[in-house]
Amino acid sequence: MNTYNFEGRVAIVTGAGRGIGRAYALLLAERGASVVVNDLGGSMEGVGADAEVADLVAAEITEAGGSAVADKSDVATVAGAQALIDAAIEQFGRLDILINNAGIVRWAGFPEADSDNLASHLAVHVAGSFNTTRSAWPHMVNQGYGRIVMTTSSGMFGLPNNTSYATAKAAVVGLTRSLTTAGTAHGIRINLIAPAAFTRMAGLPSTEADSPEGSAVSKQMAPDLVAPMVAYLAHESCPVSGEMYTAGAGRFARLFIASTEGYITATPKPTVEDVAENWATINDETDYFVPADLLSWSKAFLAHLPPRGA
């Protein structure tokens, strides 16, 4: 018997026609969720569309005895995101889980990565996540419950040729942290996944099936090895909100944004020399802390100041 099941829950997974999104949809359905399989069916670069991509995964779920419908809406548009949420409500009567997984990548470094390259990434990764969440929000607020999983990436740490992708994935972190503060009072928990899997967006070669070496790598970093973490974040028992986790290749870990204690100047007018002379202290990670939100960071950062009115 599965301790963590999703009986009676309704989930949307965007970008669920292939790779990691497909793995999420299959696991949630296997554990009892009714799943809306959303995928426009475009290329890795976000070009074109293929309705069959979502249909095949939905059919795979239903043939295995699960409950699923396909949706081909473009979440990068406000109308498409609303149509997706409406489809879930119309088909299943509620919405409990939203997994924003849809994404694209158009590899380009700087300054070759132009404004169009940036805009295309922001449209899918950031606006797509924003649009679907905004449309789902009233339903989750009304029922006093919701689980949202956003997708960031270790790619935000930077590569020479992923400028726009890294920018978009970092932006999703800020979006999630802000939404967390709004969702807490309504029973909505929102977390981030940074998957580590070998998919077409991560460079899976088209000849992988014919390559023994490639086959071994793809098995070690298969998309379904990410899915257990996402399922837990989507479960009613998930105890956290606003957090970021990595998963893949058999490893699960937490990522976080932290601040060092830093250096407090002894004079009211610090100088550039003060910064330079205390550089080691400023960067010392011994006593770092992890802010829960902006207010908690501000409180800690300004704790050395006298109380107001003193």
C-alpha atoms as a PDB file:
ATOM      1  CA  MET A   1       0.000   0.000   0.000  1.00  0.00           C
ATOM      2  CA  ASN A   2       1.281   3.461  -0.925  1.00  0.00           C
ATOM      3  CA  THR A   3       1.401   5.755   2.092  1.00  0.00           C
ATOM      4  CA  TYR A   4       1.520   8.864  -0.068  1.00  0.00           C
ATOM      5  CA  ASN A   5      -1.379   8.743  -2.496  1.00  0.00           C
ATOM      6  CA  PHE A   6      -3.401  11.334  -4.356  1.00  0.00           C
ATOM      7  CA  GLU A   7      -6.849   9.778  -4.372  1.00  0.00           C
ATOM      8  CA  GLY A   8      -9.447  12.468  -5.003  1.00  0.00           C
ATOM      9  CA  ARG A   9      -6.834  15.036  -6.022  1.00  0.00           C
ATOM     10  CA  VAL A  10      -6.701  16.753  -9.397  1.00  0.00           C
ATOM     11  CA  ALA A  11      -3.338  17.757 -10.854  1.00  0.00           C
ATOM     12  CA  ILE A  12      -2.189  19.793 -13.828  1.00  0.00           C
ATOM     13  CA  VAL A  13       1.289  19.151 -15.209  1.00  0.00           C
ATOM     14  CA  THR A  14       2.498  21.521 -17.914  1.00  0.00           C
ATOM     15  CA  GLY A  15       5.021  20.294 -20.427  1.00  0.00           C
ATOM     16  CA  ALA A  16       3.893  16.762 -19.570  1.00  0.00           C
ATOM     17  CA  GLY A  17       4.130  15.262 -23.039  1.00  0.00           C
ATOM     18  CA  ARG A  18       7.774  14.318 -22.778  1.00  0.00           C
ATOM     19  CA  GLY A  19      10.680  13.821 -20.409  1.00  0.00           C
ATOM     20  CA  ILE A  20      10.402  15.043 -16.853  1.00  0.00           C
ATOM     21  CA  GLY A  21       6.827  16.323 -17.138  1.00  0.00           C
ATOM     22  CA  ARG A  22       5.677  12.951 -18.439  1.00  0.00           C
ATOM     23  CA  ALA A  23       7.367  11.249 -15.473  1.00  0.00           C
ATOM     24  CA  TYR A  24       5.521  13.569 -13.073  1.00  0.00           C
ATOM     25  CA  ALA A  25       2.164  12.915 -14.715  1.00  0.00           C
ATOM     26  CA  LEU A  26       2.630   9.141 -14.733  1.00  0.00           C
ATOM     27  CA  LEU A  27       3.637   8.986 -11.071  1.00  0.00           C
ATOM     28  CA  LEU A  28       0.791  11.202  -9.872  1.00  0.00           C
ATOM     29  CA  ALA A  29      -1.704   9.157 -11.879  1.00  0.00           C
ATOM     30  CA  GLU A  30      -0.231   5.909 -10.591  1.00  0.00           C
ATOM     31  CA  ARG A  31      -0.772   7.220  -7.067  1.00  0.00           C
ATOM     32  CA  GLY A  32      -4.410   8.045  -7.730  1.00  0.00           C
ATOM     33  CA  ALA A  33      -4.527  11.631  -9.014  1.00  0.00           C
ATOM     34  CA  SER A  34      -6.659  12.714 -11.946  1.00  0.00           C
ATOM     35  CA  VAL A  35      -4.203  14.434 -14.268  1.00  0.00           C
ATOM     36  CA  VAL A  36      -4.496  17.095 -16.932  1.00  0.00           C
ATOM     37  CA  VAL A  37      -1.585  16.459 -19.294  1.00  0.00           C
ATOM     38  CA  ASN A  38      -0.703  19.829 -20.806  1.00  0.00           C
ATOM     39  CA  ASP A  39       1.742  20.147 -23.670  1.00  0.00           C
ATOM     40  CA  LEU A  40       1.756  22.371 -26.726  1.00  0.00           C
ATOM     41  CA  GLY A  41       4.031  19.828 -28.382  1.00  0.00           C
ATOM     42  CA  GLY A  42       6.586  22.286 -29.673  1.00  0.00           C
ATOM     43  CA  SER A  43      10.280  21.770 -30.268  1.00  0.00           C
ATOM     44  CA  MET A  44      12.943  22.198 -27.605  1.00  0.00           C
ATOM     45  CA  GLU A  45      13.289  25.779 -28.841  1.00  0.00           C
ATOM     46  CA  GLY A  46       9.551  26.394 -28.498  1.00  0.00           C
ATOM     47  CA  VAL A  47       8.773  26.246 -32.199  1.00  0.00           C
ATOM     48  CA  GLY A  48       5.728  24.544 -33.681  1.00  0.00           C
ATOM     49  CA  ALA A  49       3.092  22.335 -32.072  1.00  0.00           C
ATOM     50  CA  ASP A  50       2.099  18.680 -32.004  1.00  0.00           C
ATOM     51  CA  ALA A  51      -1.237  17.715 -30.448  1.00  0.00           C
ATOM     52  CA  GLU A  52      -0.285  14.039 -30.326  1.00  0.00           C
ATOM     53  CA  VAL A  53       2.370  14.615 -27.654  1.00  0.00           C
ATOM     54  CA  ALA A  54      -0.150  15.291 -24.862  1.00  0.00           C
ATOM     55  CA  ASP A  55      -2.642  12.774 -26.242  1.00  0.00           C
ATOM     56  CA  LEU A  56      -0.168   9.907 -26.035  1.00  0.00           C
ATOM     57  CA  VAL A  57       0.628  10.481 -22.355  1.00  0.00           C
ATOM     58  CA  ALA A  58      -3.034  10.882 -21.416  1.00  0.00           C
ATOM     59  CA  ALA A  59      -3.791   7.653 -23.280  1.00  0.00           C
ATOM     60  CA  GLU A  60      -0.921   5.899 -21.538  1.00  0.00           C
ATOM     61  CA  ILE A  61      -2.403   6.855 -18.168  1.00  0.00           C
ATOM     62  CA  THR A  62      -5.956   5.809 -19.000  1.00  0.00           C
ATOM     63  CA  GLU A  63      -4.819   2.511 -20.514  1.00  0.00           C
ATOM     64  CA  ALA A  64      -3.060   1.755 -17.224  1.00  0.00           C
ATOM     65  CA  GLY A  65      -6.328   2.340 -15.358  1.00  0.00           C
ATOM     66  CA  GLY A  66      -5.728   5.961 -14.386  1.00  0.00           C
ATOM     67  CA  SER A  67      -7.669   9.139 -15.071  1.00  0.00           C
ATOM     68  CA  ALA A  68      -6.279  11.767 -17.427  1.00  0.00           C
ATOM     69  CA  VAL A  69      -7.162  14.213 -20.177  1.00  0.00           C
ATOM     70  CA  ALA A  70      -4.905  15.955 -22.650  1.00  0.00           C
ATOM     71  CA  ASP A  71      -4.652  19.711 -23.083  1.00  0.00           C
ATOM     72  CA  LYS A  72      -2.707  21.579 -25.763  1.00  0.00           C
ATOM     73  CA  SER A  73      -3.061  25.143 -24.461  1.00  0.00           C
ATOM     74  CA  ASP A  74      -0.156  27.557 -24.716  1.00  0.00           C
ATOM     75  CA  VAL A  75       0.566  28.603 -21.116  1.00  0.00           C
ATOM     76  CA  ALA A  76       2.779  31.451 -22.306  1.00  0.00           C
ATOM     77  CA  THR A  77      -0.443  33.308 -23.107  1.00  0.00           C
ATOM     78  CA  VAL A  78      -3.021  34.504 -20.603  1.00  0.00           C
ATOM     79  CA  ALA A  79      -5.839  32.952 -22.632  1.00  0.00           C
ATOM     80  CA  GLY A  80      -4.025  29.628 -22.927  1.00  0.00           C
ATOM     81  CA  ALA A  81      -3.326  29.411 -19.209  1.00  0.00           C
ATOM     82  CA  GLN A  82      -6.947  30.218 -18.379  1.00  0.00           C
ATOM     83  CA  ALA A  83      -8.157  27.596 -20.850  1.00  0.00           C
ATOM     84  CA  LEU A  84      -5.958  25.011 -19.143  1.00  0.00           C
ATOM     85  CA  ILE A  85      -7.319  25.760 -15.675  1.00  0.00           C
ATOM     86  CA  ASP A  86     -10.877  25.842 -17.025  1.00  0.00           C
ATOM     87  CA  ALA A  87     -10.334  22.416 -18.605  1.00  0.00           C
ATOM     88  CA  ALA A  88      -9.312  20.934 -15.255  1.00  0.00           C
ATOM     89  CA  ILE A  89     -12.348  22.381 -13.480  1.00  0.00           C
ATOM     90  CA  GLU A  90     -14.739  21.370 -16.256  1.00  0.00           C
ATOM     91  CA  GLN A  91     -13.406  17.833 -16.473  1.00  0.00           C
ATOM     92  CA  PHE A  92     -12.758  17.028 -12.823  1.00  0.00           C
ATOM     93  CA  GLY A  93     -14.572  19.709 -10.801  1.00  0.00           C
ATOM     94  CA  ARG A  94     -11.591  20.983  -8.821  1.00  0.00           C
ATOM     95  CA  LEU A  95      -7.858  21.674  -8.924  1.00  0.00           C
ATOM     96  CA  ASP A  96      -5.470  20.713  -6.130  1.00  0.00           C
ATOM     97  CA  ILE A  97      -2.041  20.536  -7.729  1.00  0.00           C
ATOM     98  CA  LEU A  98      -0.311  22.667 -10.334  1.00  0.00           C
ATOM     99  CA  ILE A  99       3.128  21.638 -11.561  1.00  0.00           C
ATOM    100  CA  ASN A 100       4.655  24.288 -13.804  1.00  0.00           C
ATOM    101  CA  ASN A 101       7.164  22.280 -15.798  1.00  0.00           C
ATOM    102  CA  ALA A 102       6.851  23.652 -19.349  1.00  0.00           C
ATOM    103  CA  GLY A 103      10.017  25.211 -20.684  1.00  0.00           C
ATOM    104  CA  ILE A 104      12.221  25.872 -23.672  1.00  0.00           C
ATOM    105  CA  VAL A 105      15.894  26.456 -24.264  1.00  0.00           C
ATOM    106  CA  ARG A 106      17.570  28.364 -27.070  1.00  0.00           C
ATOM    107  CA  TRP A 107      21.267  28.139 -26.399  1.00  0.00           C
ATOM    108  CA  ALA A 108      23.106  31.423 -26.832  1.00  0.00           C
ATOM    109  CA  GLY A 109      25.825  33.263 -24.960  1.00  0.00           C
ATOM    110  CA  PHE A 110      26.302  36.974 -24.489  1.00  0.00           C
ATOM    111  CA  PRO A 111      26.033  39.231 -26.458  1.00  0.00           C
ATOM    112  CA  GLU A 112      24.691  36.784 -29.084  1.00  0.00           C
ATOM    113  CA  ALA A 113      21.648  36.226 -26.858  1.00  0.00           C
ATOM    114  CA  ASP A 114      19.494  39.113 -28.056  1.00  0.00           C
ATOM    115  CA  SER A 115      16.250  40.572 -26.735  1.00  0.00           C
ATOM    116  CA  ASP A 116      14.153  38.091 -28.715  1.00  0.00           C
ATOM    117  CA  ASN A 117      16.079  35.202 -27.195  1.00  0.00           C
ATOM    118  CA  LEU A 118      15.479  36.579 -23.710  1.00  0.00           C
ATOM    119  CA  ALA A 119      11.808  37.308 -24.373  1.00  0.00           C
ATOM    120  CA  SER A 120      11.137  33.774 -25.612  1.00  0.00           C
ATOM    121  CA  HIS A 121      12.524  32.268 -22.393  1.00  0.00           C
ATOM    122  CA  LEU A 122      10.702  34.691 -20.128  1.00  0.00           C
ATOM    123  CA  ALA A 123       7.433  34.044 -21.972  1.00  0.00           C
ATOM    124  CA  VAL A 124       7.427  30.303 -21.263  1.00  0.00           C
ATOM    125  CA  HIS A 125       9.316  29.893 -17.988  1.00  0.00           C
ATOM    126  CA  VAL A 126       8.236  33.028 -16.134  1.00  0.00           C
ATOM    127  CA  ALA A 127       5.022  34.251 -17.773  1.00  0.00           C
ATOM    128  CA  GLY A 128       3.857  30.664 -18.255  1.00  0.00           C
ATOM    129  CA  SER A 129       4.261  29.925 -14.545  1.00  0.00           C
ATOM    130  CA  PHE A 130       2.724  33.268 -13.613  1.00  0.00           C
ATOM    131  CA  ASN A 131      -0.265  32.868 -15.930  1.00  0.00           C
ATOM    132  CA  THR A 132      -1.257  29.374 -14.836  1.00  0.00           C
ATOM    133  CA  THR A 133      -0.790  30.162 -11.151  1.00  0.00           C
ATOM    134  CA  ARG A 134      -2.849  33.336 -11.402  1.00  0.00           C
ATOM    135  CA  SER A 135      -5.692  31.449 -13.088  1.00  0.00           C
ATOM    136  CA  ALA A 136      -5.527  28.585 -10.589  1.00  0.00           C
ATOM    137  CA  TRP A 137      -5.267  30.851  -7.544  1.00  0.00           C
ATOM    138  CA  PRO A 138      -8.985  31.681  -7.002  1.00  0.00           C
ATOM    139  CA  HIS A 139      -9.906  27.990  -7.066  1.00  0.00           C
ATOM    140  CA  MET A 140      -7.241  27.109  -4.514  1.00  0.00           C
ATOM    141  CA  VAL A 141      -8.159  30.045  -2.291  1.00  0.00           C
ATOM    142  CA  ASN A 142     -11.839  29.095  -2.358  1.00  0.00           C
ATOM    143  CA  GLN A 143     -11.119  25.535  -1.266  1.00  0.00           C
ATOM    144  CA  GLY A 144      -8.439  26.602   1.228  1.00  0.00           C
ATOM    145  CA  TYR A 145      -5.922  24.219  -0.265  1.00  0.00           C
ATOM    146  CA  GLY A 146      -3.365  23.999  -3.036  1.00  0.00           C
ATOM    147  CA  ARG A 147       0.038  22.663  -3.933  1.00  0.00           C
ATOM    148  CA  ILE A 148       2.133  24.377  -6.597  1.00  0.00           C
ATOM    149  CA  VAL A 149       5.525  23.199  -7.809  1.00  0.00           C
ATOM    150  CA  MET A 150       7.558  25.637  -9.895  1.00  0.00           C
ATOM    151  CA  THR A 151      10.564  24.629 -11.970  1.00  0.00           C
ATOM    152  CA  THR A 152      13.889  26.356 -11.587  1.00  0.00           C
ATOM    153  CA  SER A 153      17.250  24.930 -12.621  1.00  0.00           C
ATOM    154  CA  SER A 154      20.857  24.604 -11.579  1.00  0.00           C
ATOM    155  CA  GLY A 155      21.302  26.357 -14.909  1.00  0.00           C
ATOM    156  CA  MET A 156      20.714  29.609 -13.024  1.00  0.00           C
ATOM    157  CA  PHE A 157      24.244  29.214 -11.665  1.00  0.00           C
ATOM    158  CA  GLY A 158      25.372  30.074 -15.180  1.00  0.00           C
ATOM    159  CA  LEU A 159      27.021  28.677 -18.265  1.00  0.00           C
ATOM    160  CA  PRO A 160      28.676  30.616 -21.087  1.00  0.00           C
ATOM    161  CA  ASN A 161      25.816  29.812 -23.486  1.00  0.00           C
ATOM    162  CA  ASN A 162      22.654  29.820 -21.351  1.00  0.00           C
ATOM    163  CA  THR A 163      22.242  33.519 -20.584  1.00  0.00           C
ATOM    164  CA  SER A 164      18.497  33.802 -21.195  1.00  0.00           C
ATOM    165  CA  TYR A 165      17.665  30.393 -19.734  1.00  0.00           C
ATOM    166  CA  ALA A 166      19.558  31.170 -16.529  1.00  0.00           C
ATOM    167  CA  THR A 167      17.856  34.553 -16.264  1.00  0.00           C
ATOM    168  CA  ALA A 168      14.386  33.033 -16.607  1.00  0.00           C
ATOM    169  CA  LYS A 169      15.038  30.225 -14.137  1.00  0.00           C
ATOM    170  CA  ALA A 170      16.335  32.660 -11.525  1.00  0.00           C
ATOM    171  CA  ALA A 171      13.263  34.841 -12.056  1.00  0.00           C
ATOM    172  CA  VAL A 172      11.008  31.898 -11.211  1.00  0.00           C
ATOM    173  CA  VAL A 173      12.694  31.734  -7.791  1.00  0.00           C
ATOM    174  CA  GLY A 174      11.685  35.311  -7.019  1.00  0.00           C
ATOM    175  CA  LEU A 175       8.162  34.662  -8.285  1.00  0.00           C
ATOM    176  CA  THR A 176       7.833  31.632  -6.030  1.00  0.00           C
ATOM    177  CA  ARG A 177       9.145  33.353  -2.921  1.00  0.00           C
ATOM    178  CA  SER A 178       6.705  36.206  -3.389  1.00  0.00           C
ATOM    179  CA  LEU A 179       3.735  33.924  -4.002  1.00  0.00           C
ATOM    180  CA  THR A 180       4.630  31.931  -0.913  1.00  0.00           C
ATOM    181  CA  THR A 181       3.910  34.923   1.295  1.00  0.00           C
ATOM    182  CA  ALA A 182       0.482  35.324  -0.350  1.00  0.00           C
ATOM    183  CA  GLY A 183      -0.464  31.657  -0.266  1.00  0.00           C
ATOM    184  CA  THR A 184       0.274  30.757   3.348  1.00  0.00           C
ATOM    185  CA  ALA A 185      -2.987  32.109   4.748  1.00  0.00           C
ATOM    186  CA  HIS A 186      -4.978  30.112   2.197  1.00  0.00           C
ATOM    187  CA  GLY A 187      -3.400  26.708   2.678  1.00  0.00           C
ATOM    188  CA  ILE A 188      -1.434  27.027  -0.552  1.00  0.00           C
ATOM    189  CA  ARG A 189       2.147  25.758  -0.445  1.00  0.00           C
ATOM    190  CA  ILE A 190       4.506  26.572  -3.277  1.00  0.00           C
ATOM    191  CA  ASN A 191       7.962  25.089  -3.765  1.00  0.00           C
ATOM    192  CA  LEU A 192      10.617  24.792  -6.443  1.00  0.00           C
ATOM    193  CA  ILE A 193      12.258  21.829  -8.129  1.00  0.00           C
ATOM    194  CA  ALA A 194      15.617  22.005  -9.892  1.00  0.00           C
ATOM    195  CA  PRO A 195      15.696  18.723 -11.822  1.00  0.00           C
ATOM    196  CA  ALA A 196      18.863  16.866 -12.735  1.00  0.00           C
ATOM    197  CA  ALA A 197      17.883  14.591 -15.597  1.00  0.00           C
ATOM    198  CA  PHE A 198      19.150  13.692 -19.048  1.00  0.00           C
ATOM    199  CA  THR A 199      16.476  14.914 -21.466  1.00  0.00           C
ATOM    200  CA  ARG A 200      16.422  16.598 -24.856  1.00  0.00           C
ATOM    201  CA  MET A 201      16.743  19.996 -23.149  1.00  0.00           C
ATOM    202  CA  ALA A 202      19.799  18.725 -21.286  1.00  0.00           C
ATOM    203  CA  GLY A 203      21.425  17.521 -24.488  1.00  0.00           C
ATOM    204  CA  LEU A 204      20.077  13.989 -24.921  1.00  0.00           C
ATOM    205  CA  PRO A 205      21.323  13.019 -28.400  1.00  0.00           C
ATOM    206  CA  SER A 206      18.885  11.730 -30.976  1.00  0.00           C
ATOM    207  CA  THR A 207      21.133   8.673 -31.425  1.00  0.00           C
ATOM    208  CA  GLU A 208      21.083   7.855 -27.700  1.00  0.00           C
ATOM    209  CA  ALA A 209      19.199   4.611 -28.227  1.00  0.00           C
ATOM    210  CA  ASP A 210      21.986   3.336 -30.450  1.00  0.00           C
ATOM    211  CA  SER A 211      24.778   4.321 -28.071  1.00  0.00           C
ATOM    212  CA  PRO A 212      25.624   1.946 -25.189  1.00  0.00           C
ATOM    213  CA  GLU A 213      27.383   4.749 -23.336  1.00  0.00           C
ATOM    214  CA  GLY A 214      24.497   7.138 -23.840  1.00  0.00           C
ATOM    215  CA  SER A 215      22.029   4.516 -22.718  1.00  0.00           C
ATOM    216  CA  ALA A 216      23.891   4.063 -19.420  1.00  0.00           C
ATOM    217  CA  VAL A 217      23.959   7.804 -18.781  1.00  0.00           C
ATOM    218  CA  SER A 218      20.288   8.221 -19.578  1.00  0.00           C
ATOM    219  CA  LYS A 219      19.376   5.435 -17.154  1.00  0.00           C
ATOM    220  CA  GLN A 220      21.456   6.966 -14.369  1.00  0.00           C
ATOM    221  CA  MET A 221      19.757  10.330 -14.900  1.00  0.00           C
ATOM    222  CA  ALA A 222      16.311   9.225 -16.026  1.00  0.00           C
ATOM    223  CA  PRO A 223      13.407  11.683 -15.561  1.00  0.00           C
ATOM    224  CA  ASP A 224      11.512   9.278 -13.317  1.00  0.00           C
ATOM    225  CA  LEU A 225      14.287   9.637 -10.723  1.00  0.00           C
ATOM    226  CA  VAL A 226      13.212  13.272 -10.245  1.00  0.00           C
ATOM    227  CA  ALA A 227       9.499  12.515  -9.902  1.00  0.00           C
ATOM    228  CA  PRO A 228       9.422  11.280  -6.254  1.00  0.00           C
ATOM    229  CA  MET A 229      10.572  14.667  -4.960  1.00  0.00           C
ATOM    230  CA  VAL A 230       7.999  16.526  -7.023  1.00  0.00           C
ATOM    231  CA  ALA A 231       5.250  14.163  -5.889  1.00  0.00           C
ATOM    232  CA  TYR A 232       6.157  14.789  -2.263  1.00  0.00           C
ATOM    233  CA  LEU A 233       6.137  18.569  -2.782  1.00  0.00           C
ATOM    234  CA  ALA A 234       2.690  18.159  -4.382  1.00  0.00           C
ATOM    235  CA  HIS A 235       1.346  16.027  -1.540  1.00  0.00           C
ATOM    236  CA  GLU A 236      -0.904  17.315   1.238  1.00  0.00           C
ATOM    237  CA  SER A 237       1.672  16.293   3.859  1.00  0.00           C
ATOM    238  CA  CYS A 238       4.435  18.482   2.405  1.00  0.00           C
ATOM    239  CA  PRO A 239       5.546  20.580   5.401  1.00  0.00           C
ATOM    240  CA  VAL A 240       7.332  23.466   3.641  1.00  0.00           C
ATOM    241  CA  SER A 241       6.631  26.379   1.341  1.00  0.00           C
ATOM    242  CA  GLY A 242       8.951  28.687  -0.549  1.00  0.00           C
ATOM    243  CA  GLU A 243      11.777  26.153  -0.606  1.00  0.00           C
ATOM    244  CA  MET A 244      13.954  24.891  -3.430  1.00  0.00           C
ATOM    245  CA  TYR A 245      15.043  21.285  -3.966  1.00  0.00           C
ATOM    246  CA  THR A 246      17.176  19.370  -6.423  1.00  0.00           C
ATOM    247  CA  ALA A 247      16.549  15.802  -7.477  1.00  0.00           C
ATOM    248  CA  GLY A 248      18.092  13.353  -9.886  1.00  0.00           C
ATOM    249  CA  ALA A 249      20.454  10.406 -10.296  1.00  0.00           C
ATOM    250  CA  GLY A 250      19.383   9.045  -6.909  1.00  0.00           C
ATOM    251  CA  ARG A 251      20.239  12.195  -4.944  1.00  0.00           C
ATOM    252  CA  PHE A 252      17.778  14.611  -3.287  1.00  0.00           C
ATOM    253  CA  ALA A 253      18.975  17.871  -1.762  1.00  0.00           C
ATOM    254  CA  ARG A 254      17.894  21.331  -0.679  1.00  0.00           C
ATOM    255  CA  LEU A 255      19.112  24.508  -2.360  1.00  0.00           C
ATOM    256  CA  PHE A 256      18.794  27.801  -0.528  1.00  0.00           C
ATOM    257  CA  ILE A 257      19.593  31.493  -0.634  1.00  0.00           C
ATOM    258  CA  ALA A 258      21.566  32.583   2.392  1.00  0.00           C
ATOM    259  CA  SER A 259      23.281  35.622   3.858  1.00  0.00           C
ATOM    260  CA  THR A 260      26.509  35.821   5.824  1.00  0.00           C
ATOM    261  CA  GLU A 261      26.622  37.703   9.115  1.00  0.00           C
ATOM    262  CA  GLY A 262      28.996  40.089   7.420  1.00  0.00           C
ATOM    263  CA  TYR A 263      30.923  43.037   8.841  1.00  0.00           C
ATOM    264  CA  ILE A 264      29.426  45.901  10.855  1.00  0.00           C
ATOM    265  CA  THR A 265      31.340  49.116  10.605  1.00  0.00           C
ATOM    266  CA  ALA A 266      32.393  50.870  13.803  1.00  0.00           C
ATOM    267  CA  THR A 267      31.961  54.327  12.296  1.00  0.00           C
ATOM    268  CA  PRO A 268      28.866  56.109  10.972  1.00  0.00           C
ATOM    269  CA  LYS A 269      30.506  56.747   7.602  1.00  0.00           C
ATOM    270  CA  PRO A 270      32.148  53.601   6.218  1.00  0.00           C
ATOM    271  CA  THR A 271      34.693  53.901   3.448  1.00  0.00           C
ATOM    272  CA  VAL A 272      35.786  51.792   0.511  1.00  0.00           C
ATOM    273  CA  GLU A 273      38.849  50.940   2.602  1.00  0.00           C
ATOM    274  CA  ASP A 274      36.570  49.527   5.324  1.00  0.00           C
ATOM    275  CA  VAL A 275      35.014  47.181   2.784  1.00  0.00           C
ATOM    276  CA  ALA A 276      38.387  46.083   1.399  1.00  0.00           C
ATOM    277  CA  GLU A 277      40.002  45.566   4.810  1.00  0.00           C
ATOM    278  CA  ASN A 278      37.087  43.443   6.031  1.00  0.00           C
ATOM    279  CA  TRP A 279      36.508  41.477   2.864  1.00  0.00           C
ATOM    280  CA  ALA A 280      37.207  38.128   4.525  1.00  0.00           C
ATOM    281  CA  THR A 281      34.651  38.817   7.264  1.00  0.00           C
ATOM    282  CA  ILE A 282      32.045  39.930   4.737  1.00  0.00           C
ATOM    283  CA  ASN A 283      32.465  36.630   2.885  1.00  0.00           C
ATOM    284  CA  ASP A 284      32.805  34.359   5.935  1.00  0.00           C
ATOM    285  CA  GLU A 285      30.158  31.610   5.661  1.00  0.00           C
ATOM    286  CA  THR A 286      30.557  30.342   9.233  1.00  0.00           C
ATOM    287  CA  ASP A 287      27.389  31.936  10.570  1.00  0.00           C
ATOM    288  CA  TYR A 288      25.219  32.317   7.491  1.00  0.00           C
ATOM    289  CA  PHE A 289      21.442  32.426   7.864  1.00  0.00           C
ATOM    290  CA  VAL A 290      18.599  31.545   5.495  1.00  0.00           C
ATOM    291  CA  PRO A 291      15.934  34.278   5.238  1.00  0.00           C
ATOM    292  CA  ALA A 292      12.336  33.080   5.051  1.00  0.00           C
ATOM    293  CA  ASP A 293      11.248  36.239   3.255  1.00  0.00           C
ATOM    294  CA  LEU A 294      12.198  39.885   2.739  1.00  0.00           C
ATOM    295  CA  LEU A 295      11.028  40.961   6.183  1.00  0.00           C
ATOM    296  CA  SER A 296      13.044  38.287   7.962  1.00  0.00           C
ATOM    297  CA  TRP A 297      16.136  39.261   5.979  1.00  0.00           C
ATOM    298  CA  SER A 298      15.634  42.958   6.774  1.00  0.00           C
ATOM    299  CA  LYS A 299      15.148  42.216  10.471  1.00  0.00           C
ATOM    300  CA  ALA A 300      18.386  40.242  10.632  1.00  0.00           C
ATOM    301  CA  PHE A 301      20.375  42.629   8.441  1.00  0.00           C
ATOM    302  CA  LEU A 302      19.365  45.691  10.468  1.00  0.00           C
ATOM    303  CA  ALA A 303      19.491  44.033  13.888  1.00  0.00           C
ATOM    304  CA  HIS A 304      22.583  46.033  14.880  1.00  0.00           C
ATOM    305  CA  LEU A 305      20.714  49.354  14.660  1.00  0.00           C
ATOM    306  CA  PRO A 306      19.169  50.904  17.801  1.00  0.00           C
ATOM    307  CA  PRO A 307      15.382  50.511  18.144  1.00  0.00           C
ATOM    308  CA  ARG A 308      13.295  53.244  16.519  1.00  0.00           C
ATOM    309  CA  GLY A 309      12.769  56.138  18.837  1.00  0.00           C
ATOM    310  CA  ALA A 310      15.757  55.194  20.991  1.00  0.00           C
END
